[in-house]
Amino acid sequence: MGQAFGCVQVDQSTVAVKEHFGRFDDVLEPGCHCLPWCLGYQLAGSLSLRVQQLDVRCETKTKDNVFVTVVASIQYRALSEKAADAFYKLSNTKAQIQAYVFDGRI
């Protein structure tokens, strides 16, 4: 993703978050976009839409009092229609997924 002369290129399988004077304005899909920085537009960042994998190691106790270690492989990705929520509301996605696994919510 590069910016020159007010033009922005968003790479394939990513989306970019556009702000107007520091406030959320739009989510930019892959392709070339005009972003006039002199009018207060800027890129806040980008978000990958690729599938990612997180391996979570859990230690648990069975009914016969034996401790076992289980590795859970969680595959996740951001949805393009909820990219603004994923960018602004989540600060550490891996830690939140691990907490869900440890709590037994998955």
N, C-alpha and C. Protein backbone atom coordinates (compact mmCIF):
# COMPACT_ATOMS: atom_id res chain seq x y z
N MET A 1 0.86 -1.17 0.00
CA MET A 1 0.00 0.00 0.00
C MET A 1 0.90 1.23 0.00
N GLY A 2 0.80 2.04 -1.01
CA GLY A 2 1.62 3.23 -1.10
C GLY A 2 0.78 4.46 -1.35
N GLN A 3 1.36 5.64 -1.04
CA GLN A 3 0.62 6.89 -1.23
C GLN A 3 1.56 7.90 -1.89
N ALA A 4 1.17 8.38 -3.05
CA ALA A 4 1.93 9.41 -3.75
C ALA A 4 0.95 10.30 -4.52
N PHE A 5 1.11 11.60 -4.39
CA PHE A 5 0.27 12.57 -5.10
C PHE A 5 -1.21 12.40 -4.82
N GLY A 6 -1.57 11.96 -3.64
CA GLY A 6 -2.97 11.81 -3.28
C GLY A 6 -3.62 10.53 -3.76
N CYS A 7 -2.86 9.64 -4.39
CA CYS A 7 -3.40 8.36 -4.85
C CYS A 7 -2.93 7.26 -3.92
N VAL A 8 -3.82 6.33 -3.64
CA VAL A 8 -3.52 5.23 -2.73
C VAL A 8 -3.83 3.92 -3.43
N GLN A 9 -2.92 2.97 -3.30
CA GLN A 9 -3.14 1.62 -3.84
C GLN A 9 -3.34 0.67 -2.66
N VAL A 10 -4.49 0.01 -2.63
CA VAL A 10 -4.78 -0.98 -1.60
C VAL A 10 -4.54 -2.35 -2.22
N ASP A 11 -3.69 -3.14 -1.59
CA ASP A 11 -3.30 -4.43 -2.14
C ASP A 11 -4.43 -5.44 -2.06
N GLN A 12 -4.26 -6.50 -2.84
CA GLN A 12 -5.24 -7.58 -2.88
C GLN A 12 -5.34 -8.25 -1.52
N SER A 13 -6.51 -8.69 -1.15
CA SER A 13 -6.87 -9.35 0.11
C SER A 13 -6.54 -8.50 1.34
N THR A 14 -6.59 -7.19 1.17
CA THR A 14 -6.51 -6.27 2.30
C THR A 14 -7.55 -5.17 2.08
N VAL A 15 -7.90 -4.50 3.15
CA VAL A 15 -8.72 -3.30 3.07
C VAL A 15 -8.01 -2.21 3.87
N ALA A 16 -8.28 -0.97 3.52
CA ALA A 16 -7.67 0.16 4.21
C ALA A 16 -8.76 1.01 4.86
N VAL A 17 -8.42 1.61 5.97
CA VAL A 17 -9.36 2.46 6.70
C VAL A 17 -9.00 3.91 6.44
N LYS A 18 -9.97 4.68 5.90
CA LYS A 18 -9.77 6.09 5.56
C LYS A 18 -10.39 6.96 6.64
N GLU A 19 -9.65 8.00 7.02
CA GLU A 19 -10.14 8.96 8.01
C GLU A 19 -10.17 10.35 7.40
N HIS A 20 -11.11 11.17 7.89
CA HIS A 20 -11.21 12.57 7.48
C HIS A 20 -11.02 13.42 8.73
N PHE A 21 -9.88 14.09 8.81
CA PHE A 21 -9.48 14.87 9.99
C PHE A 21 -9.52 14.01 11.25
N GLY A 22 -9.04 12.78 11.18
CA GLY A 22 -8.93 11.90 12.34
C GLY A 22 -10.18 11.13 12.70
N ARG A 23 -11.25 11.29 11.93
CA ARG A 23 -12.50 10.58 12.21
C ARG A 23 -12.76 9.56 11.10
N PHE A 24 -13.29 8.40 11.47
CA PHE A 24 -13.54 7.34 10.49
C PHE A 24 -14.43 7.86 9.37
N ASP A 25 -14.05 7.54 8.12
CA ASP A 25 -14.82 7.99 6.97
C ASP A 25 -15.30 6.83 6.12
N ASP A 26 -14.41 5.89 5.77
CA ASP A 26 -14.78 4.83 4.84
C ASP A 26 -13.77 3.69 4.91
N VAL A 27 -14.17 2.55 4.39
CA VAL A 27 -13.29 1.40 4.22
C VAL A 27 -13.00 1.28 2.73
N LEU A 28 -11.72 1.29 2.38
CA LEU A 28 -11.32 1.22 0.98
C LEU A 28 -11.04 -0.22 0.58
N GLU A 29 -11.69 -0.67 -0.47
CA GLU A 29 -11.49 -2.02 -1.01
C GLU A 29 -10.19 -2.05 -1.82
N PRO A 30 -9.72 -3.24 -2.21
CA PRO A 30 -8.50 -3.32 -3.02
C PRO A 30 -8.65 -2.57 -4.34
N GLY A 31 -7.59 -1.88 -4.72
CA GLY A 31 -7.60 -1.10 -5.96
C GLY A 31 -6.92 0.24 -5.75
N CYS A 32 -7.13 1.14 -6.69
CA CYS A 32 -6.53 2.47 -6.64
C CYS A 32 -7.60 3.49 -6.23
N HIS A 33 -7.25 4.36 -5.29
CA HIS A 33 -8.21 5.34 -4.76
C HIS A 33 -7.54 6.72 -4.69
N CYS A 34 -8.36 7.75 -4.85
CA CYS A 34 -7.90 9.12 -4.71
C CYS A 34 -8.10 9.55 -3.26
N LEU A 35 -7.04 10.05 -2.65
CA LEU A 35 -7.09 10.43 -1.24
C LEU A 35 -6.42 11.79 -1.08
N PRO A 36 -7.16 12.89 -1.26
CA PRO A 36 -6.53 14.22 -1.20
C PRO A 36 -6.15 14.59 0.25
N TRP A 37 -4.88 14.41 0.57
CA TRP A 37 -4.41 14.67 1.92
C TRP A 37 -4.51 16.14 2.29
N CYS A 38 -4.50 17.03 1.29
CA CYS A 38 -4.60 18.46 1.58
C CYS A 38 -6.01 18.85 2.05
N LEU A 39 -7.00 17.98 1.83
CA LEU A 39 -8.37 18.23 2.31
C LEU A 39 -8.67 17.50 3.62
N GLY A 40 -7.64 16.92 4.24
CA GLY A 40 -7.80 16.29 5.55
C GLY A 40 -8.00 14.79 5.52
N TYR A 41 -7.87 14.16 4.37
CA TYR A 41 -8.03 12.70 4.29
C TYR A 41 -6.70 12.03 4.53
N GLN A 42 -6.74 10.91 5.23
CA GLN A 42 -5.53 10.14 5.50
C GLN A 42 -5.90 8.68 5.71
N LEU A 43 -4.90 7.81 5.60
CA LEU A 43 -5.10 6.39 5.88
C LEU A 43 -4.79 6.13 7.35
N ALA A 44 -5.69 5.48 8.04
CA ALA A 44 -5.45 5.12 9.43
C ALA A 44 -4.65 3.83 9.51
N GLY A 45 -4.82 2.96 8.53
CA GLY A 45 -4.09 1.69 8.52
C GLY A 45 -4.77 0.71 7.59
N SER A 46 -4.25 -0.50 7.59
CA SER A 46 -4.81 -1.53 6.74
C SER A 46 -5.11 -2.77 7.57
N LEU A 47 -5.92 -3.65 6.99
CA LEU A 47 -6.36 -4.86 7.68
C LEU A 47 -6.34 -6.00 6.68
N SER A 48 -5.69 -7.08 7.05
CA SER A 48 -5.59 -8.24 6.17
C SER A 48 -6.88 -9.06 6.22
N LEU A 49 -7.33 -9.52 5.06
CA LEU A 49 -8.52 -10.36 4.98
C LEU A 49 -8.16 -11.83 4.79
N ARG A 50 -6.89 -12.16 4.89
CA ARG A 50 -6.45 -13.54 4.71
C ARG A 50 -6.76 -14.38 5.94
N VAL A 51 -6.90 -15.66 5.71
CA VAL A 51 -7.14 -16.60 6.81
C VAL A 51 -5.83 -16.75 7.59
N GLN A 52 -5.91 -16.60 8.90
CA GLN A 52 -4.74 -16.73 9.77
C GLN A 52 -4.99 -17.85 10.76
N GLN A 53 -3.93 -18.42 11.27
CA GLN A 53 -4.05 -19.54 12.20
C GLN A 53 -3.35 -19.20 13.51
N LEU A 54 -4.00 -19.56 14.60
CA LEU A 54 -3.46 -19.36 15.93
C LEU A 54 -3.50 -20.69 16.66
N ASP A 55 -2.35 -21.18 17.11
CA ASP A 55 -2.27 -22.42 17.87
C ASP A 55 -2.31 -22.08 19.36
N VAL A 56 -3.30 -22.62 20.05
CA VAL A 56 -3.48 -22.35 21.48
C VAL A 56 -3.24 -23.65 22.24
N ARG A 57 -2.31 -23.61 23.17
CA ARG A 57 -1.98 -24.78 23.99
C ARG A 57 -2.74 -24.69 25.31
N CYS A 58 -3.60 -25.69 25.55
CA CYS A 58 -4.44 -25.71 26.75
C CYS A 58 -4.10 -26.93 27.59
N GLU A 59 -3.96 -26.71 28.88
CA GLU A 59 -3.76 -27.83 29.80
C GLU A 59 -5.06 -28.03 30.58
N THR A 60 -5.56 -29.26 30.59
CA THR A 60 -6.83 -29.54 31.24
C THR A 60 -6.74 -30.84 32.02
N LYS A 61 -7.68 -31.03 32.92
CA LYS A 61 -7.71 -32.21 33.77
C LYS A 61 -8.89 -33.08 33.34
N THR A 62 -8.65 -34.36 33.13
CA THR A 62 -9.70 -35.28 32.73
C THR A 62 -10.46 -35.78 33.95
N LYS A 63 -11.51 -36.59 33.71
CA LYS A 63 -12.33 -37.11 34.81
C LYS A 63 -11.56 -38.07 35.71
N ASP A 64 -10.52 -38.71 35.17
CA ASP A 64 -9.75 -39.64 36.00
C ASP A 64 -8.48 -39.00 36.55
N ASN A 65 -8.50 -37.68 36.78
CA ASN A 65 -7.43 -36.90 37.40
C ASN A 65 -6.09 -36.98 36.66
N VAL A 66 -6.13 -36.95 35.36
CA VAL A 66 -4.92 -36.92 34.55
C VAL A 66 -4.88 -35.59 33.82
N PHE A 67 -3.72 -34.93 33.88
CA PHE A 67 -3.56 -33.67 33.18
C PHE A 67 -3.06 -33.93 31.77
N VAL A 68 -3.74 -33.36 30.79
CA VAL A 68 -3.33 -33.50 29.39
C VAL A 68 -3.18 -32.11 28.78
N THR A 69 -2.31 -32.03 27.80
CA THR A 69 -2.11 -30.79 27.07
C THR A 69 -2.68 -30.96 25.67
N VAL A 70 -3.58 -30.07 25.31
CA VAL A 70 -4.25 -30.12 24.02
C VAL A 70 -3.88 -28.85 23.24
N VAL A 71 -3.54 -29.03 21.98
CA VAL A 71 -3.27 -27.88 21.12
C VAL A 71 -4.47 -27.69 20.20
N ALA A 72 -5.09 -26.53 20.31
CA ALA A 72 -6.23 -26.20 19.45
C ALA A 72 -5.75 -25.22 18.38
N SER A 73 -5.99 -25.56 17.14
CA SER A 73 -5.62 -24.68 16.02
C SER A 73 -6.86 -23.91 15.58
N ILE A 74 -6.84 -22.62 15.80
CA ILE A 74 -7.97 -21.76 15.49
C ILE A 74 -7.64 -21.00 14.21
N GLN A 75 -8.53 -21.09 13.22
CA GLN A 75 -8.36 -20.33 11.99
C GLN A 75 -9.40 -19.22 11.97
N TYR A 76 -8.95 -18.01 11.65
CA TYR A 76 -9.84 -16.86 11.69
C TYR A 76 -9.47 -15.88 10.59
N ARG A 77 -10.41 -15.00 10.25
CA ARG A 77 -10.15 -13.91 9.31
C ARG A 77 -11.13 -12.79 9.59
N ALA A 78 -10.75 -11.60 9.17
CA ALA A 78 -11.61 -10.43 9.31
C ALA A 78 -12.58 -10.39 8.14
N LEU A 79 -13.79 -9.95 8.39
CA LEU A 79 -14.79 -9.79 7.34
C LEU A 79 -14.71 -8.37 6.79
N SER A 80 -14.77 -8.23 5.47
CA SER A 80 -14.61 -6.91 4.87
C SER A 80 -15.76 -5.96 5.25
N GLU A 81 -16.98 -6.51 5.45
CA GLU A 81 -18.11 -5.64 5.81
C GLU A 81 -18.04 -5.18 7.27
N LYS A 82 -17.20 -5.81 8.10
CA LYS A 82 -17.03 -5.39 9.49
C LYS A 82 -15.59 -4.95 9.75
N ALA A 83 -14.93 -4.43 8.73
CA ALA A 83 -13.53 -4.04 8.85
C ALA A 83 -13.34 -2.89 9.82
N ALA A 84 -14.26 -1.95 9.85
CA ALA A 84 -14.12 -0.81 10.77
C ALA A 84 -14.18 -1.28 12.23
N ASP A 85 -15.09 -2.20 12.53
CA ASP A 85 -15.16 -2.74 13.90
C ASP A 85 -13.89 -3.50 14.25
N ALA A 86 -13.38 -4.30 13.32
CA ALA A 86 -12.17 -5.07 13.58
C ALA A 86 -10.97 -4.15 13.77
N PHE A 87 -10.92 -3.04 13.06
CA PHE A 87 -9.77 -2.14 13.15
C PHE A 87 -9.81 -1.29 14.41
N TYR A 88 -10.98 -0.77 14.78
CA TYR A 88 -11.07 0.17 15.89
C TYR A 88 -11.40 -0.48 17.24
N LYS A 89 -12.17 -1.57 17.26
CA LYS A 89 -12.63 -2.13 18.53
C LYS A 89 -11.72 -3.21 19.10
N LEU A 90 -10.92 -3.86 18.26
CA LEU A 90 -10.04 -4.92 18.74
C LEU A 90 -8.61 -4.42 18.78
N SER A 91 -7.98 -4.54 19.93
CA SER A 91 -6.59 -4.10 20.02
C SER A 91 -5.61 -5.27 19.93
N ASN A 92 -5.99 -6.42 20.47
CA ASN A 92 -5.12 -7.60 20.45
C ASN A 92 -5.99 -8.82 20.15
N THR A 93 -6.16 -9.13 18.88
CA THR A 93 -7.08 -10.20 18.49
C THR A 93 -6.62 -11.56 18.98
N LYS A 94 -5.32 -11.82 18.96
CA LYS A 94 -4.82 -13.13 19.37
C LYS A 94 -5.07 -13.38 20.85
N ALA A 95 -4.89 -12.38 21.68
CA ALA A 95 -5.15 -12.54 23.12
C ALA A 95 -6.63 -12.75 23.39
N GLN A 96 -7.49 -12.07 22.63
CA GLN A 96 -8.92 -12.25 22.82
C GLN A 96 -9.37 -13.64 22.40
N ILE A 97 -8.83 -14.16 21.30
CA ILE A 97 -9.16 -15.52 20.87
C ILE A 97 -8.68 -16.54 21.89
N GLN A 98 -7.47 -16.34 22.41
CA GLN A 98 -6.95 -17.25 23.44
C GLN A 98 -7.84 -17.23 24.68
N ALA A 99 -8.32 -16.08 25.08
CA ALA A 99 -9.21 -15.99 26.24
C ALA A 99 -10.51 -16.74 26.00
N TYR A 100 -11.05 -16.65 24.79
CA TYR A 100 -12.27 -17.39 24.46
C TYR A 100 -12.02 -18.88 24.53
N VAL A 101 -10.87 -19.34 24.04
CA VAL A 101 -10.56 -20.78 24.08
C VAL A 101 -10.39 -21.26 25.51
N PHE A 102 -9.68 -20.50 26.34
CA PHE A 102 -9.46 -20.89 27.73
C PHE A 102 -10.77 -20.91 28.53
N ASP A 103 -11.70 -20.03 28.19
CA ASP A 103 -12.99 -20.00 28.89
C ASP A 103 -13.95 -21.07 28.41
N GLY A 104 -13.60 -21.75 27.34
CA GLY A 104 -14.45 -22.81 26.81
C GLY A 104 -15.61 -22.30 25.99
N ARG A 105 -15.49 -21.11 25.44
CA ARG A 105 -16.58 -20.52 24.65
C ARG A 105 -16.61 -21.02 23.21
N ILE A 106 -15.51 -21.62 22.77
CA ILE A 106 -15.45 -22.12 21.40
C ILE A 106 -15.67 -23.62 21.40
